[in-house]
PDB file of N, CA and C in Angstrom:
ATOM      1  N   MET A   1      15.838  20.014 -22.239  1.00  0.00           N
ATOM      2  CA  MET A   1      16.125  20.625 -20.956  1.00  0.00           C
ATOM      3  C   MET A   1      15.501  19.764 -19.872  1.00  0.00           C
ATOM      4  N   SER A   2      16.288  19.436 -18.901  1.00  0.00           N
ATOM      5  CA  SER A   2      15.817  18.634 -17.787  1.00  0.00           C
ATOM      6  C   SER A   2      15.262  19.537 -16.692  1.00  0.00           C
ATOM      7  N   LEU A   3      14.110  19.155 -16.149  1.00  0.00           N
ATOM      8  CA  LEU A   3      13.529  19.922 -15.049  1.00  0.00           C
ATOM      9  C   LEU A   3      13.965  19.292 -13.733  1.00  0.00           C
ATOM     10  N   THR A   4      14.817  19.976 -13.026  1.00  0.00           N
ATOM     11  CA  THR A   4      15.246  19.504 -11.720  1.00  0.00           C
ATOM     12  C   THR A   4      14.405  20.192 -10.665  1.00  0.00           C
ATOM     13  N   ASN A   5      14.468  19.712  -9.439  1.00  0.00           N
ATOM     14  CA  ASN A   5      13.712  20.345  -8.358  1.00  0.00           C
ATOM     15  C   ASN A   5      14.077  21.809  -8.205  1.00  0.00           C
ATOM     16  N   ALA A   6      15.311  22.160  -8.479  1.00  0.00           N
ATOM     17  CA  ALA A   6      15.732  23.562  -8.353  1.00  0.00           C
ATOM     18  C   ALA A   6      15.165  24.417  -9.474  1.00  0.00           C
ATOM     19  N   ARG A   7      14.945  23.839 -10.658  1.00  0.00           N
ATOM     20  CA  ARG A   7      14.484  24.616 -11.814  1.00  0.00           C
ATOM     21  C   ARG A   7      12.977  24.687 -11.940  1.00  0.00           C
ATOM     22  N   ILE A   8      12.258  23.745 -11.357  1.00  0.00           N
ATOM     23  CA  ILE A   8      10.803  23.730 -11.507  1.00  0.00           C
ATOM     24  C   ILE A   8      10.160  25.021 -11.009  1.00  0.00           C
ATOM     25  N   PRO A   9      10.483  25.536  -9.802  1.00  0.00           N
ATOM     26  CA  PRO A   9       9.827  26.775  -9.360  1.00  0.00           C
ATOM     27  C   PRO A   9      10.054  27.947 -10.312  1.00  0.00           C
ATOM     28  N   ALA A  10      11.201  28.009 -10.952  1.00  0.00           N
ATOM     29  CA  ALA A  10      11.487  29.110 -11.863  1.00  0.00           C
ATOM     30  C   ALA A  10      10.612  29.049 -13.110  1.00  0.00           C
ATOM     31  N   GLY A  11      10.099  27.870 -13.446  1.00  0.00           N
ATOM     32  CA  GLY A  11       9.307  27.727 -14.656  1.00  0.00           C
ATOM     33  C   GLY A  11       7.819  27.630 -14.431  1.00  0.00           C
ATOM     34  N   THR A  12       7.373  27.786 -13.198  1.00  0.00           N
ATOM     35  CA  THR A  12       5.943  27.679 -12.931  1.00  0.00           C
ATOM     36  C   THR A  12       5.280  29.042 -12.944  1.00  0.00           C
ATOM     37  N   VAL A  13       4.005  29.068 -13.271  1.00  0.00           N
ATOM     38  CA  VAL A  13       3.252  30.317 -13.284  1.00  0.00           C
ATOM     39  C   VAL A  13       3.001  30.773 -11.857  1.00  0.00           C
ATOM     40  N   ASN A  14       2.562  29.868 -11.026  1.00  0.00           N
ATOM     41  CA  ASN A  14       2.328  30.151  -9.611  1.00  0.00           C
ATOM     42  C   ASN A  14       2.980  29.055  -8.786  1.00  0.00           C
ATOM     43  N   ALA A  15       3.421  29.403  -7.595  1.00  0.00           N
ATOM     44  CA  ALA A  15       3.973  28.388  -6.714  1.00  0.00           C
ATOM     45  C   ALA A  15       2.878  27.390  -6.361  1.00  0.00           C
ATOM     46  N   PRO A  16       3.231  26.125  -6.218  1.00  0.00           N
ATOM     47  CA  PRO A  16       2.210  25.131  -5.854  1.00  0.00           C
ATOM     48  C   PRO A  16       1.561  25.483  -4.522  1.00  0.00           C
ATOM     49  N   ASP A  17       0.263  25.280  -4.455  1.00  0.00           N
ATOM     50  CA  ASP A  17      -0.457  25.531  -3.214  1.00  0.00           C
ATOM     51  C   ASP A  17      -0.188  24.417  -2.220  1.00  0.00           C
ATOM     52  N   VAL A  18      -0.178  24.781  -0.962  1.00  0.00           N
ATOM     53  CA  VAL A  18      -0.075  23.798   0.100  1.00  0.00           C
ATOM     54  C   VAL A  18      -1.493  23.293   0.368  1.00  0.00           C
ATOM     55  N   PRO A  19      -1.698  21.982   0.320  1.00  0.00           N
ATOM     56  CA  PRO A  19      -3.051  21.471   0.542  1.00  0.00           C
ATOM     57  C   PRO A  19      -3.597  21.896   1.901  1.00  0.00           C
ATOM     58  N   VAL A  20      -4.846  22.283   1.925  1.00  0.00           N
ATOM     59  CA  VAL A  20      -5.516  22.662   3.153  1.00  0.00           C
ATOM     60  C   VAL A  20      -6.690  21.711   3.328  1.00  0.00           C
ATOM     61  N   GLY A  21      -6.808  21.138   4.484  1.00  0.00           N
ATOM     62  CA  GLY A  21      -7.916  20.224   4.721  1.00  0.00           C
ATOM     63  C   GLY A  21      -7.571  18.813   4.298  1.00  0.00           C
ATOM     64  N   ARG A  22      -8.585  18.067   3.964  1.00  0.00           N
ATOM     65  CA  ARG A  22      -8.410  16.660   3.610  1.00  0.00           C
ATOM     66  C   ARG A  22      -8.028  16.489   2.146  1.00  0.00           C
ATOM     67  N   ILE A  23      -7.273  15.463   1.892  1.00  0.00           N
ATOM     68  CA  ILE A  23      -6.945  15.067   0.528  1.00  0.00           C
ATOM     69  C   ILE A  23      -7.743  13.812   0.236  1.00  0.00           C
ATOM     70  N   ARG A  24      -8.471  13.832  -0.850  1.00  0.00           N
ATOM     71  CA  ARG A  24      -9.314  12.696  -1.216  1.00  0.00           C
ATOM     72  C   ARG A  24      -8.617  11.868  -2.284  1.00  0.00           C
ATOM     73  N   ILE A  25      -8.473  10.612  -2.051  1.00  0.00           N
ATOM     74  CA  ILE A  25      -7.883   9.696  -3.022  1.00  0.00           C
ATOM     75  C   ILE A  25      -9.029   8.968  -3.722  1.00  0.00           C
ATOM     76  N   VAL A  26      -9.021   9.040  -5.036  1.00  0.00           N
ATOM     77  CA  VAL A  26     -10.108   8.442  -5.814  1.00  0.00           C
ATOM     78  C   VAL A  26      -9.536   7.451  -6.819  1.00  0.00           C
ATOM     79  N   ASP A  27     -10.398   6.625  -7.362  1.00  0.00           N
ATOM     80  CA  ASP A  27      -9.992   5.675  -8.397  1.00  0.00           C
ATOM     81  C   ASP A  27      -9.543   6.422  -9.651  1.00  0.00           C
ATOM     82  N   TYR A  28      -8.704   5.767 -10.424  1.00  0.00           N
ATOM     83  CA  TYR A  28      -8.223   6.330 -11.679  1.00  0.00           C
ATOM     84  C   TYR A  28      -9.404   6.594 -12.613  1.00  0.00           C
ATOM     85  N   ASP A  29      -9.378   7.730 -13.262  1.00  0.00           N
ATOM     86  CA  ASP A  29     -10.415   8.091 -14.224  1.00  0.00           C
ATOM     87  C   ASP A  29      -9.868   7.828 -15.627  1.00  0.00           C
ATOM     88  N   PRO A  30     -10.439   6.880 -16.357  1.00  0.00           N
ATOM     89  CA  PRO A  30      -9.918   6.577 -17.692  1.00  0.00           C
ATOM     90  C   PRO A  30     -10.033   7.754 -18.664  1.00  0.00           C
ATOM     91  N   GLN A  31     -10.820   8.776 -18.326  1.00  0.00           N
ATOM     92  CA  GLN A  31     -10.931   9.962 -19.168  1.00  0.00           C
ATOM     93  C   GLN A  31      -9.801  10.955 -18.920  1.00  0.00           C
ATOM     94  N   TRP A  32      -8.966  10.701 -17.896  1.00  0.00           N
ATOM     95  CA  TRP A  32      -7.908  11.641 -17.531  1.00  0.00           C
ATOM     96  C   TRP A  32      -6.999  12.013 -18.706  1.00  0.00           C
ATOM     97  N   PRO A  33      -6.457  11.058 -19.466  1.00  0.00           N
ATOM     98  CA  PRO A  33      -5.553  11.458 -20.558  1.00  0.00           C
ATOM     99  C   PRO A  33      -6.201  12.431 -21.539  1.00  0.00           C
ATOM    100  N   GLU A  34      -7.464  12.180 -21.908  1.00  0.00           N
ATOM    101  CA  GLU A  34      -8.145  13.075 -22.837  1.00  0.00           C
ATOM    102  C   GLU A  34      -8.407  14.435 -22.191  1.00  0.00           C
ATOM    103  N   SER A  35      -8.803  14.438 -20.929  1.00  0.00           N
ATOM    104  CA  SER A  35      -9.031  15.706 -20.211  1.00  0.00           C
ATOM    105  C   SER A  35      -7.750  16.529 -20.162  1.00  0.00           C
ATOM    106  N   PHE A  36      -6.626  15.862 -19.879  1.00  0.00           N
ATOM    107  CA  PHE A  36      -5.352  16.578 -19.822  1.00  0.00           C
ATOM    108  C   PHE A  36      -4.985  17.133 -21.192  1.00  0.00           C
ATOM    109  N   ARG A  37      -5.137  16.332 -22.246  1.00  0.00           N
ATOM    110  CA  ARG A  37      -4.818  16.818 -23.603  1.00  0.00           C
ATOM    111  C   ARG A  37      -5.654  18.047 -23.951  1.00  0.00           C
ATOM    112  N   ARG A  38      -6.932  18.012 -23.609  1.00  0.00           N
ATOM    113  CA  ARG A  38      -7.821  19.136 -23.906  1.00  0.00           C
ATOM    114  C   ARG A  38      -7.388  20.395 -23.148  1.00  0.00           C
ATOM    115  N   GLU A  39      -7.141  20.263 -21.849  1.00  0.00           N
ATOM    116  CA  GLU A  39      -6.741  21.425 -21.051  1.00  0.00           C
ATOM    117  C   GLU A  39      -5.353  21.922 -21.446  1.00  0.00           C
ATOM    118  N   ALA A  40      -4.446  21.006 -21.739  1.00  0.00           N
ATOM    119  CA  ALA A  40      -3.097  21.409 -22.163  1.00  0.00           C
ATOM    120  C   ALA A  40      -3.174  22.201 -23.468  1.00  0.00           C
ATOM    121  N   GLY A  41      -4.055  21.787 -24.376  1.00  0.00           N
ATOM    122  CA  GLY A  41      -4.234  22.525 -25.631  1.00  0.00           C
ATOM    123  C   GLY A  41      -4.726  23.938 -25.378  1.00  0.00           C
ATOM    124  N   ARG A  42      -5.662  24.089 -24.463  1.00  0.00           N
ATOM    125  CA  ARG A  42      -6.172  25.428 -24.126  1.00  0.00           C
ATOM    126  C   ARG A  42      -5.059  26.298 -23.538  1.00  0.00           C
ATOM    127  N   ILE A  43      -4.255  25.713 -22.669  1.00  0.00           N
ATOM    128  CA  ILE A  43      -3.161  26.472 -22.053  1.00  0.00           C
ATOM    129  C   ILE A  43      -2.141  26.866 -23.112  1.00  0.00           C
ATOM    130  N   ARG A  44      -1.784  25.925 -23.987  1.00  0.00           N
ATOM    131  CA  ARG A  44      -0.806  26.230 -25.048  1.00  0.00           C
ATOM    132  C   ARG A  44      -1.314  27.325 -25.980  1.00  0.00           C
ATOM    133  N   ARG A  45      -2.597  27.278 -26.325  1.00  0.00           N
ATOM    134  CA  ARG A  45      -3.153  28.331 -27.192  1.00  0.00           C
ATOM    135  C   ARG A  45      -3.130  29.685 -26.491  1.00  0.00           C
ATOM    136  N   ALA A  46      -3.400  29.691 -25.203  1.00  0.00           N
ATOM    137  CA  ALA A  46      -3.420  30.958 -24.461  1.00  0.00           C
ATOM    138  C   ALA A  46      -2.016  31.520 -24.255  1.00  0.00           C
ATOM    139  N   LEU A  47      -1.042  30.657 -24.000  1.00  0.00           N
ATOM    140  CA  LEU A  47       0.309  31.134 -23.672  1.00  0.00           C
ATOM    141  C   LEU A  47       1.268  31.128 -24.853  1.00  0.00           C
ATOM    142  N   GLY A  48       0.924  30.432 -25.913  1.00  0.00           N
ATOM    143  CA  GLY A  48       1.809  30.382 -27.074  1.00  0.00           C
ATOM    144  C   GLY A  48       3.161  29.784 -26.722  1.00  0.00           C
ATOM    145  N   ALA A  49       4.216  30.384 -27.241  1.00  0.00           N
ATOM    146  CA  ALA A  49       5.579  29.873 -27.047  1.00  0.00           C
ATOM    147  C   ALA A  49       6.044  29.957 -25.600  1.00  0.00           C
ATOM    148  N   ARG A  50       5.353  30.729 -24.782  1.00  0.00           N
ATOM    149  CA  ARG A  50       5.746  30.815 -23.364  1.00  0.00           C
ATOM    150  C   ARG A  50       5.489  29.529 -22.623  1.00  0.00           C
ATOM    151  N   ALA A  51       4.572  28.709 -23.109  1.00  0.00           N
ATOM    152  CA  ALA A  51       4.290  27.409 -22.489  1.00  0.00           C
ATOM    153  C   ALA A  51       5.249  26.375 -23.070  1.00  0.00           C
ATOM    154  N   ARG A  52       6.375  26.216 -22.436  1.00  0.00           N
ATOM    155  CA  ARG A  52       7.396  25.295 -22.960  1.00  0.00           C
ATOM    156  C   ARG A  52       7.117  23.847 -22.576  1.00  0.00           C
ATOM    157  N   THR A  53       6.664  23.617 -21.354  1.00  0.00           N
ATOM    158  CA  THR A  53       6.407  22.261 -20.890  1.00  0.00           C
ATOM    159  C   THR A  53       5.172  22.266 -19.995  1.00  0.00           C
ATOM    160  N   LEU A  54       4.274  21.340 -20.239  1.00  0.00           N
ATOM    161  CA  LEU A  54       3.121  21.150 -19.361  1.00  0.00           C
ATOM    162  C   LEU A  54       3.208  19.738 -18.798  1.00  0.00           C
ATOM    163  N   VAL A  55       3.011  19.630 -17.501  1.00  0.00           N
ATOM    164  CA  VAL A  55       3.116  18.345 -16.834  1.00  0.00           C
ATOM    165  C   VAL A  55       1.813  18.055 -16.116  1.00  0.00           C
ATOM    166  N   GLY A  56       1.271  16.887 -16.329  1.00  0.00           N
ATOM    167  CA  GLY A  56       0.063  16.462 -15.622  1.00  0.00           C
ATOM    168  C   GLY A  56       0.390  15.282 -14.732  1.00  0.00           C
ATOM    169  N   THR A  57      -0.192  15.259 -13.569  1.00  0.00           N
ATOM    170  CA  THR A  57       0.005  14.125 -12.677  1.00  0.00           C
ATOM    171  C   THR A  57      -1.286  13.349 -12.588  1.00  0.00           C
ATOM    172  N   ARG A  58      -1.175  12.074 -12.417  1.00  0.00           N
ATOM    173  CA  ARG A  58      -2.367  11.228 -12.337  1.00  0.00           C
ATOM    174  C   ARG A  58      -2.598  10.813 -10.922  1.00  0.00           C
TER     175      ARG A  58
END
């Protein structure tokens, strides 16, 4: 199943927040992939089959 801009809101738990204040840009964290895998596992265990797709941005 392809996630299009029209379908993404229907599949999210909460609507994305609008940033308030400053946005800080930081250097890439080489631990990010492992952190995402760990958190994605926790989410999948909590939601079971309801968690069809998890997307992380870097």
